[in-house]
Amino acid sequence: MKQETIRRDLYKVLRRTGVPREKIVENATLKEELLMDEIDLTCFLFLLETKFQVEINNTELGKLNSVGSTIEYLQKHCA
């Protein structure tokens, strides 16, 4: 999957979880800057798995701590 497609679809997922569009930048952290709590993160992960058709293991959840790290993860797992 192209990086441009991943970015666009990730943007859509973040918007569906209620993140304001002006806050969505690559270096934004999910918890601190995008103010995601546990419920928001659960919803975000569900939408990610659905949109990108990937299964994110509990051991890999810690790697998804920013928009940029989520893009990198999806690039590796959405071939």
PDB file of N, CA and C in Angstrom:
ATOM      1  N   MET A   1       0.845  -1.172   0.000  1.00  0.00           N
ATOM      2  CA  MET A   1       0.000   0.000   0.000  1.00  0.00           C
ATOM      3  C   MET A   1       0.897   1.244   0.000  1.00  0.00           C
ATOM      4  N   LYS A   2       0.538   2.227  -0.787  1.00  0.00           N
ATOM      5  CA  LYS A   2       1.336   3.451  -0.895  1.00  0.00           C
ATOM      6  C   LYS A   2       1.240   4.282   0.380  1.00  0.00           C
ATOM      7  N   GLN A   3       2.328   4.993   0.664  1.00  0.00           N
ATOM      8  CA  GLN A   3       2.360   5.839   1.853  1.00  0.00           C
ATOM      9  C   GLN A   3       1.272   6.909   1.790  1.00  0.00           C
ATOM     10  N   GLU A   4       1.025   7.447   0.621  1.00  0.00           N
ATOM     11  CA  GLU A   4      -0.011   8.472   0.458  1.00  0.00           C
ATOM     12  C   GLU A   4      -1.395   7.923   0.819  1.00  0.00           C
ATOM     13  N   THR A   5      -1.670   6.705   0.389  1.00  0.00           N
ATOM     14  CA  THR A   5      -2.951   6.060   0.700  1.00  0.00           C
ATOM     15  C   THR A   5      -3.062   5.797   2.191  1.00  0.00           C
ATOM     16  N   ILE A   6      -1.984   5.332   2.803  1.00  0.00           N
ATOM     17  CA  ILE A   6      -1.979   5.075   4.249  1.00  0.00           C
ATOM     18  C   ILE A   6      -2.243   6.367   5.002  1.00  0.00           C
ATOM     19  N   ARG A   7      -1.585   7.436   4.629  1.00  0.00           N
ATOM     20  CA  ARG A   7      -1.768   8.726   5.295  1.00  0.00           C
ATOM     21  C   ARG A   7      -3.214   9.208   5.174  1.00  0.00           C
ATOM     22  N   ARG A   8      -3.764   9.121   3.977  1.00  0.00           N
ATOM     23  CA  ARG A   8      -5.142   9.580   3.749  1.00  0.00           C
ATOM     24  C   ARG A   8      -6.139   8.762   4.564  1.00  0.00           C
ATOM     25  N   ASP A   9      -5.979   7.444   4.548  1.00  0.00           N
ATOM     26  CA  ASP A   9      -6.907   6.590   5.284  1.00  0.00           C
ATOM     27  C   ASP A   9      -6.731   6.738   6.794  1.00  0.00           C
ATOM     28  N   LEU A  10      -5.501   6.922   7.252  1.00  0.00           N
ATOM     29  CA  LEU A  10      -5.266   7.154   8.674  1.00  0.00           C
ATOM     30  C   LEU A  10      -5.900   8.473   9.107  1.00  0.00           C
ATOM     31  N   TYR A  11      -5.796   9.477   8.273  1.00  0.00           N
ATOM     32  CA  TYR A  11      -6.434  10.768   8.545  1.00  0.00           C
ATOM     33  C   TYR A  11      -7.942  10.574   8.733  1.00  0.00           C
ATOM     34  N   LYS A  12      -8.558   9.780   7.852  1.00  0.00           N
ATOM     35  CA  LYS A  12      -9.999   9.512   7.952  1.00  0.00           C
ATOM     36  C   LYS A  12     -10.341   8.791   9.254  1.00  0.00           C
ATOM     37  N   VAL A  13      -9.510   7.831   9.640  1.00  0.00           N
ATOM     38  CA  VAL A  13      -9.741   7.102  10.890  1.00  0.00           C
ATOM     39  C   VAL A  13      -9.642   8.056  12.083  1.00  0.00           C
ATOM     40  N   LEU A  14      -8.627   8.897  12.091  1.00  0.00           N
ATOM     41  CA  LEU A  14      -8.463   9.854  13.190  1.00  0.00           C
ATOM     42  C   LEU A  14      -9.637  10.826  13.259  1.00  0.00           C
ATOM     43  N   ARG A  15     -10.121  11.279  12.123  1.00  0.00           N
ATOM     44  CA  ARG A  15     -11.274  12.182  12.105  1.00  0.00           C
ATOM     45  C   ARG A  15     -12.521  11.484  12.654  1.00  0.00           C
ATOM     46  N   ARG A  16     -12.679  10.193  12.334  1.00  0.00           N
ATOM     47  CA  ARG A  16     -13.838   9.439  12.834  1.00  0.00           C
ATOM     48  C   ARG A  16     -13.786   9.238  14.343  1.00  0.00           C
ATOM     49  N   THR A  17     -12.594   9.306  14.916  1.00  0.00           N
ATOM     50  CA  THR A  17     -12.485   9.178  16.372  1.00  0.00           C
ATOM     51  C   THR A  17     -12.609  10.532  17.062  1.00  0.00           C
ATOM     52  N   GLY A  18     -12.861  11.588  16.286  1.00  0.00           N
ATOM     53  CA  GLY A  18     -13.122  12.893  16.870  1.00  0.00           C
ATOM     54  C   GLY A  18     -11.929  13.820  16.984  1.00  0.00           C
ATOM     55  N   VAL A  19     -10.821  13.481  16.346  1.00  0.00           N
ATOM     56  CA  VAL A  19      -9.636  14.334  16.407  1.00  0.00           C
ATOM     57  C   VAL A  19      -9.835  15.519  15.457  1.00  0.00           C
ATOM     58  N   PRO A  20      -9.649  16.746  15.939  1.00  0.00           N
ATOM     59  CA  PRO A  20      -9.761  17.916  15.057  1.00  0.00           C
ATOM     60  C   PRO A  20      -8.705  17.874  13.952  1.00  0.00           C
ATOM     61  N   ARG A  21      -9.092  18.253  12.764  1.00  0.00           N
ATOM     62  CA  ARG A  21      -8.184  18.134  11.607  1.00  0.00           C
ATOM     63  C   ARG A  21      -6.890  18.921  11.773  1.00  0.00           C
ATOM     64  N   GLU A  22      -6.934  20.061  12.459  1.00  0.00           N
ATOM     65  CA  GLU A  22      -5.715  20.868  12.611  1.00  0.00           C
ATOM     66  C   GLU A  22      -4.696  20.229  13.552  1.00  0.00           C
ATOM     67  N   LYS A  23      -5.116  19.243  14.341  1.00  0.00           N
ATOM     68  CA  LYS A  23      -4.192  18.567  15.260  1.00  0.00           C
ATOM     69  C   LYS A  23      -3.506  17.362  14.630  1.00  0.00           C
ATOM     70  N   ILE A  24      -3.960  16.941  13.468  1.00  0.00           N
ATOM     71  CA  ILE A  24      -3.408  15.743  12.840  1.00  0.00           C
ATOM     72  C   ILE A  24      -2.143  16.103  12.061  1.00  0.00           C
ATOM     73  N   VAL A  25      -1.014  15.882  12.721  1.00  0.00           N
ATOM     74  CA  VAL A  25       0.305  16.052  12.106  1.00  0.00           C
ATOM     75  C   VAL A  25       1.128  14.817  12.452  1.00  0.00           C
ATOM     76  N   GLU A  26       2.141  14.544  11.663  1.00  0.00           N
ATOM     77  CA  GLU A  26       2.878  13.287  11.801  1.00  0.00           C
ATOM     78  C   GLU A  26       3.543  13.116  13.165  1.00  0.00           C
ATOM     79  N   ASN A  27       4.014  14.185  13.777  1.00  0.00           N
ATOM     80  CA  ASN A  27       4.711  14.037  15.051  1.00  0.00           C
ATOM     81  C   ASN A  27       3.786  14.146  16.265  1.00  0.00           C
ATOM     82  N   ALA A  28       2.486  14.235  16.046  1.00  0.00           N
ATOM     83  CA  ALA A  28       1.534  14.331  17.156  1.00  0.00           C
ATOM     84  C   ALA A  28       1.416  12.986  17.888  1.00  0.00           C
ATOM     85  N   THR A  29       1.508  13.036  19.213  1.00  0.00           N
ATOM     86  CA  THR A  29       1.332  11.828  20.017  1.00  0.00           C
ATOM     87  C   THR A  29      -0.159  11.589  20.231  1.00  0.00           C
ATOM     88  N   LEU A  30      -0.530  10.327  20.289  1.00  0.00           N
ATOM     89  CA  LEU A  30      -1.948   9.988  20.393  1.00  0.00           C
ATOM     90  C   LEU A  30      -2.539  10.399  21.737  1.00  0.00           C
ATOM     91  N   LYS A  31      -1.846  10.095  22.817  1.00  0.00           N
ATOM     92  CA  LYS A  31      -2.405  10.368  24.143  1.00  0.00           C
ATOM     93  C   LYS A  31      -2.237  11.819  24.562  1.00  0.00           C
ATOM     94  N   GLU A  32      -1.042  12.358  24.417  1.00  0.00           N
ATOM     95  CA  GLU A  32      -0.770  13.690  24.945  1.00  0.00           C
ATOM     96  C   GLU A  32      -1.308  14.803  24.043  1.00  0.00           C
ATOM     97  N   GLU A  33      -1.014  14.738  22.751  1.00  0.00           N
ATOM     98  CA  GLU A  33      -1.376  15.844  21.860  1.00  0.00           C
ATOM     99  C   GLU A  33      -2.757  15.685  21.227  1.00  0.00           C
ATOM    100  N   LEU A  34      -3.138  14.453  20.936  1.00  0.00           N
ATOM    101  CA  LEU A  34      -4.468  14.236  20.362  1.00  0.00           C
ATOM    102  C   LEU A  34      -5.499  13.922  21.441  1.00  0.00           C
ATOM    103  N   LEU A  35      -5.029  13.871  22.689  1.00  0.00           N
ATOM    104  CA  LEU A  35      -5.893  13.709  23.875  1.00  0.00           C
ATOM    105  C   LEU A  35      -6.792  12.476  23.809  1.00  0.00           C
ATOM    106  N   MET A  36      -6.219  11.359  23.361  1.00  0.00           N
ATOM    107  CA  MET A  36      -6.976  10.106  23.306  1.00  0.00           C
ATOM    108  C   MET A  36      -6.900   9.408  24.654  1.00  0.00           C
ATOM    109  N   ASP A  37      -8.069   9.054  25.182  1.00  0.00           N
ATOM    110  CA  ASP A  37      -8.100   8.247  26.396  1.00  0.00           C
ATOM    111  C   ASP A  37      -8.229   6.779  25.984  1.00  0.00           C
ATOM    112  N   GLU A  38      -8.409   5.894  26.955  1.00  0.00           N
ATOM    113  CA  GLU A  38      -8.460   4.450  26.652  1.00  0.00           C
ATOM    114  C   GLU A  38      -9.625   4.096  25.723  1.00  0.00           C
ATOM    115  N   ILE A  39     -10.749   4.737  25.901  1.00  0.00           N
ATOM    116  CA  ILE A  39     -11.903   4.462  25.029  1.00  0.00           C
ATOM    117  C   ILE A  39     -11.617   4.933  23.609  1.00  0.00           C
ATOM    118  N   ASP A  40     -11.046   6.127  23.485  1.00  0.00           N
ATOM    119  CA  ASP A  40     -10.682   6.639  22.154  1.00  0.00           C
ATOM    120  C   ASP A  40      -9.676   5.722  21.475  1.00  0.00           C
ATOM    121  N   LEU A  41      -8.689   5.252  22.229  1.00  0.00           N
ATOM    122  CA  LEU A  41      -7.672   4.359  21.658  1.00  0.00           C
ATOM    123  C   LEU A  41      -8.269   3.033  21.215  1.00  0.00           C
ATOM    124  N   THR A  42      -9.201   2.519  21.997  1.00  0.00           N
ATOM    125  CA  THR A  42      -9.867   1.266  21.625  1.00  0.00           C
ATOM    126  C   THR A  42     -10.645   1.441  20.327  1.00  0.00           C
ATOM    127  N   CYS A  43     -11.378   2.532  20.231  1.00  0.00           N
ATOM    128  CA  CYS A  43     -12.122   2.841  19.010  1.00  0.00           C
ATOM    129  C   CYS A  43     -11.165   3.037  17.832  1.00  0.00           C
ATOM    130  N   PHE A  44     -10.086   3.768  18.067  1.00  0.00           N
ATOM    131  CA  PHE A  44      -9.069   4.013  17.036  1.00  0.00           C
ATOM    132  C   PHE A  44      -8.487   2.697  16.522  1.00  0.00           C
ATOM    133  N   LEU A  45      -8.131   1.795  17.427  1.00  0.00           N
ATOM    134  CA  LEU A  45      -7.551   0.508  17.022  1.00  0.00           C
ATOM    135  C   LEU A  45      -8.558  -0.336  16.251  1.00  0.00           C
ATOM    136  N   PHE A  46      -9.812  -0.328  16.689  1.00  0.00           N
ATOM    137  CA  PHE A  46     -10.849  -1.074  15.972  1.00  0.00           C
ATOM    138  C   PHE A  46     -10.995  -0.534  14.544  1.00  0.00           C
ATOM    139  N   LEU A  47     -11.057   0.782  14.411  1.00  0.00           N
ATOM    140  CA  LEU A  47     -11.195   1.388  13.083  1.00  0.00           C
ATOM    141  C   LEU A  47      -9.961   1.136  12.218  1.00  0.00           C
ATOM    142  N   LEU A  48      -8.767   1.170  12.842  1.00  0.00           N
ATOM    143  CA  LEU A  48      -7.535   0.860  12.100  1.00  0.00           C
ATOM    144  C   LEU A  48      -7.573  -0.559  11.545  1.00  0.00           C
ATOM    145  N   GLU A  49      -7.912  -1.502  12.416  1.00  0.00           N
ATOM    146  CA  GLU A  49      -7.958  -2.905  11.992  1.00  0.00           C
ATOM    147  C   GLU A  49      -8.991  -3.115  10.895  1.00  0.00           C
ATOM    148  N   THR A  50     -10.107  -2.428  10.991  1.00  0.00           N
ATOM    149  CA  THR A  50     -11.160  -2.567   9.990  1.00  0.00           C
ATOM    150  C   THR A  50     -10.762  -1.918   8.668  1.00  0.00           C
ATOM    151  N   LYS A  51     -10.281  -0.693   8.734  1.00  0.00           N
ATOM    152  CA  LYS A  51      -9.944   0.068   7.519  1.00  0.00           C
ATOM    153  C   LYS A  51      -8.775  -0.552   6.764  1.00  0.00           C
ATOM    154  N   PHE A  52      -7.741  -0.978   7.499  1.00  0.00           N
ATOM    155  CA  PHE A  52      -6.528  -1.485   6.865  1.00  0.00           C
ATOM    156  C   PHE A  52      -6.466  -3.014   6.809  1.00  0.00           C
ATOM    157  N   GLN A  53      -7.476  -3.666   7.348  1.00  0.00           N
ATOM    158  CA  GLN A  53      -7.547  -5.131   7.354  1.00  0.00           C
ATOM    159  C   GLN A  53      -6.270  -5.762   7.902  1.00  0.00           C
ATOM    160  N   VAL A  54      -5.867  -5.282   9.090  1.00  0.00           N
ATOM    161  CA  VAL A  54      -4.730  -5.834   9.809  1.00  0.00           C
ATOM    162  C   VAL A  54      -5.188  -6.219  11.207  1.00  0.00           C
ATOM    163  N   GLU A  55      -4.447  -7.105  11.813  1.00  0.00           N
ATOM    164  CA  GLU A  55      -4.707  -7.468  13.208  1.00  0.00           C
ATOM    165  C   GLU A  55      -3.528  -6.970  14.026  1.00  0.00           C
ATOM    166  N   ILE A  56      -3.817  -6.109  14.977  1.00  0.00           N
ATOM    167  CA  ILE A  56      -2.769  -5.522  15.798  1.00  0.00           C
ATOM    168  C   ILE A  56      -2.716  -6.275  17.121  1.00  0.00           C
ATOM    169  N   ASN A  57      -1.591  -6.965  17.356  1.00  0.00           N
ATOM    170  CA  ASN A  57      -1.426  -7.742  18.588  1.00  0.00           C
ATOM    171  C   ASN A  57      -1.223  -6.825  19.780  1.00  0.00           C
ATOM    172  N   ASN A  58      -1.586  -7.299  20.957  1.00  0.00           N
ATOM    173  CA  ASN A  58      -1.415  -6.512  22.180  1.00  0.00           C
ATOM    174  C   ASN A  58       0.040  -6.140  22.417  1.00  0.00           C
ATOM    175  N   THR A  59       0.964  -6.990  21.988  1.00  0.00           N
ATOM    176  CA  THR A  59       2.387  -6.702  22.188  1.00  0.00           C
ATOM    177  C   THR A  59       2.859  -5.548  21.307  1.00  0.00           C
ATOM    178  N   GLU A  60       2.141  -5.272  20.229  1.00  0.00           N
ATOM    179  CA  GLU A  60       2.529  -4.215  19.303  1.00  0.00           C
ATOM    180  C   GLU A  60       1.832  -2.889  19.594  1.00  0.00           C
ATOM    181  N   LEU A  61       0.896  -2.885  20.513  1.00  0.00           N
ATOM    182  CA  LEU A  61       0.152  -1.661  20.817  1.00  0.00           C
ATOM    183  C   LEU A  61       1.049  -0.531  21.295  1.00  0.00           C
ATOM    184  N   GLY A  62       2.071  -0.844  22.054  1.00  0.00           N
ATOM    185  CA  GLY A  62       2.977   0.170  22.565  1.00  0.00           C
ATOM    186  C   GLY A  62       3.741   0.916  21.482  1.00  0.00           C
ATOM    187  N   LYS A  63       3.853   0.298  20.310  1.00  0.00           N
ATOM    188  CA  LYS A  63       4.558   0.929  19.195  1.00  0.00           C
ATOM    189  C   LYS A  63       3.733   2.040  18.552  1.00  0.00           C
ATOM    190  N   LEU A  64       2.440   2.016  18.761  1.00  0.00           N
ATOM    191  CA  LEU A  64       1.555   2.999  18.139  1.00  0.00           C
ATOM    192  C   LEU A  64       1.308   4.147  19.111  1.00  0.00           C
ATOM    193  N   ASN A  65       2.291   5.002  19.264  1.00  0.00           N
ATOM    194  CA  ASN A  65       2.142   6.090  20.227  1.00  0.00           C
ATOM    195  C   ASN A  65       2.054   7.469  19.582  1.00  0.00           C
ATOM    196  N   SER A  66       2.204   7.525  18.250  1.00  0.00           N
ATOM    197  CA  SER A  66       2.075   8.796  17.535  1.00  0.00           C
ATOM    198  C   SER A  66       1.519   8.529  16.138  1.00  0.00           C
ATOM    199  N   VAL A  67       1.183   9.596  15.455  1.00  0.00           N
ATOM    200  CA  VAL A  67       0.696   9.457  14.081  1.00  0.00           C
ATOM    201  C   VAL A  67       1.805   8.861  13.214  1.00  0.00           C
ATOM    202  N   GLY A  68       3.025   9.350  13.376  1.00  0.00           N
ATOM    203  CA  GLY A  68       4.156   8.856  12.590  1.00  0.00           C
ATOM    204  C   GLY A  68       4.453   7.386  12.824  1.00  0.00           C
ATOM    205  N   SER A  69       4.429   6.955  14.078  1.00  0.00           N
ATOM    206  CA  SER A  69       4.699   5.543  14.371  1.00  0.00           C
ATOM    207  C   SER A  69       3.586   4.648  13.836  1.00  0.00           C
ATOM    208  N   THR A  70       2.368   5.171  13.800  1.00  0.00           N
ATOM    209  CA  THR A  70       1.248   4.407  13.238  1.00  0.00           C
ATOM    210  C   THR A  70       1.427   4.260  11.727  1.00  0.00           C
ATOM    211  N   ILE A  71       1.867   5.316  11.064  1.00  0.00           N
ATOM    212  CA  ILE A  71       2.139   5.240   9.621  1.00  0.00           C
ATOM    213  C   ILE A  71       3.222   4.206   9.345  1.00  0.00           C
ATOM    214  N   GLU A  72       4.309   4.225  10.116  1.00  0.00           N
ATOM    215  CA  GLU A  72       5.393   3.260   9.931  1.00  0.00           C
ATOM    216  C   GLU A  72       4.901   1.830  10.141  1.00  0.00           C
ATOM    217  N   TYR A  73       4.107   1.615  11.186  1.00  0.00           N
ATOM    218  CA  TYR A  73       3.564   0.283  11.459  1.00  0.00           C
ATOM    219  C   TYR A  73       2.721  -0.198  10.278  1.00  0.00           C
ATOM    220  N   LEU A  74       1.839   0.668   9.795  1.00  0.00           N
ATOM    221  CA  LEU A  74       0.963   0.279   8.694  1.00  0.00           C
ATOM    222  C   LEU A  74       1.746   0.026   7.411  1.00  0.00           C
ATOM    223  N   GLN A  75       2.817   0.759   7.177  1.00  0.00           N
ATOM    224  CA  GLN A  75       3.649   0.521   5.986  1.00  0.00           C
ATOM    225  C   GLN A  75       4.263  -0.869   6.038  1.00  0.00           C
ATOM    226  N   LYS A  76       4.656  -1.317   7.214  1.00  0.00           N
ATOM    227  CA  LYS A  76       5.274  -2.632   7.353  1.00  0.00           C
ATOM    228  C   LYS A  76       4.258  -3.762   7.256  1.00  0.00           C
ATOM    229  N   HIS A  77       3.027  -3.524   7.694  1.00  0.00           N
ATOM    230  CA  HIS A  77       2.057  -4.599   7.810  1.00  0.00           C
ATOM    231  C   HIS A  77       0.939  -4.571   6.764  1.00  0.00           C
ATOM    232  N   CYS A  78       0.944  -3.594   5.892  1.00  0.00           N
ATOM    233  CA  CYS A  78      -0.073  -3.506   4.829  1.00  0.00           C
ATOM    234  C   CYS A  78       0.601  -3.612   3.471  1.00  0.00           C
ATOM    235  N   ALA A  79       1.161  -4.752   3.201  1.00  0.00           N
ATOM    236  CA  ALA A  79       1.890  -4.922   1.941  1.00  0.00           C
ATOM    237  C   ALA A  79       0.964  -5.099   0.773  1.00  0.00           C
TER     238      ALA A  79
END
